[in-house]
Amino acid sequence: MADIKSFQCPNCGSSVIPSGSAKEVKCAYCGTTVIVPEELRQQPPPVDFNYGQTIQTDDQVIKTLGEVGKVTAGVTVGVTAISVILPIALTCVILGVVGFIVYSVFSGIKSSNLNSAFPTDISAVFTQAPTDTPTLAPTPFDTPVPFIKTLLKDNFTNSSSGWDKAHTSTYTLEYKNGNYHILINDPQNGQIVYLGKNFTDASLQVGIQQTAGADDSHLGIACRVTDSGNLYSFEFSQDGTYGIYKYTNWNSDSLDEGTLDPNTISQGKINQLEGVCDGDTLTMSLNGVPLLQVQDSDYTSGGIGLIALPGTGNAKGVDVLFSQLLVKGP
């Protein structure tokens, strides 16, 4: 008989039994919804991925219509006149349909040069662009001049690049398949993981994908992080809220916030977040669209960080993948 695997509820300490491949399960004792550790989830059977709508080739159209012709011909066996006329009529129909499709396809082809929304060197780094990008009014502030010097690149394939690795009953920090993975199974506590390097002026860009958890969980990046918990952060949520925050001793205060239509955020997919710390000016962009700009001069240098904070008032944690980190400076 197979062993029944379970894990401890972070809220009441009771044993929780996972259900198949479900990412979340409700504790039978206290009713808290918690995230199932990945190693306890059953792997679902392989599925065929749908890569979007494709255009049928002429051979596919002919084959499909040919099968229709077979059915029609089978129905009319024994009727002498129709058996002579029908193949001729069917051939005309097939030729007409094929000709129309060929004309439609080739008449709609146009050549065009497409420009990436990111600078050339950045588009080579980010391998998966977001599906949806915010459509907003013109930015009401001057965007900073892009930095051109690469200070740090991390595709999270080298587990010795410096990010923390840990596995407890309430959180997991790990390198995973070319991503940095943060899993939090505690609705009361989040994680700010940082590298203790010393950057002054820098721009940070990273791909962020939330795979489970509440929609109001905060996901983000940080600059000028110190061991005492002072830092600036750029955070957004799947529900459309976003903001620039100032942390003092790991406690945050909002410098400015805003709200997007949630449909402009790539739900469950990769969103590209950028934060620029340039002198006393802090600028935030999401999926290539500038959102906020504030001024604050209290912190001048420090490390960089990745942020995953469960939503307030939700009995859930959050599961996040970070990909393709790029740090640039003047």
Foldseek 3Di string as FASTA:
>chain_A
DDDFDWAAQPPPRDTDGDDAQDQWDADPPPRFIWGDPNVRHHDDDDDDDDPDDDDDDLVVLLVVLVVVLVVVLVVPPPPVVCNVVVVVVSVVVSVVVSVVSVCVVVVPDDDDDDDDLDPPVVCVLDPDAFPFAADDDPDPDDDDDDFDAFDDKAQLPDQPPAWDADDDSAWGFGRDDSWTKIWGGFQPDKDKIWHWDKDFWKKKKKKKFWQDADQQKWWWKWFLADPQWWTWIWIDGLCFKTFIWTTGSVDIDTPDIDGDHSVRDRHRGIKMWMWTDDQQKIWIDISSHTDDIDGDHPGGITIMIIIIHHHPPHSYGTIMIMGIMTMGDD
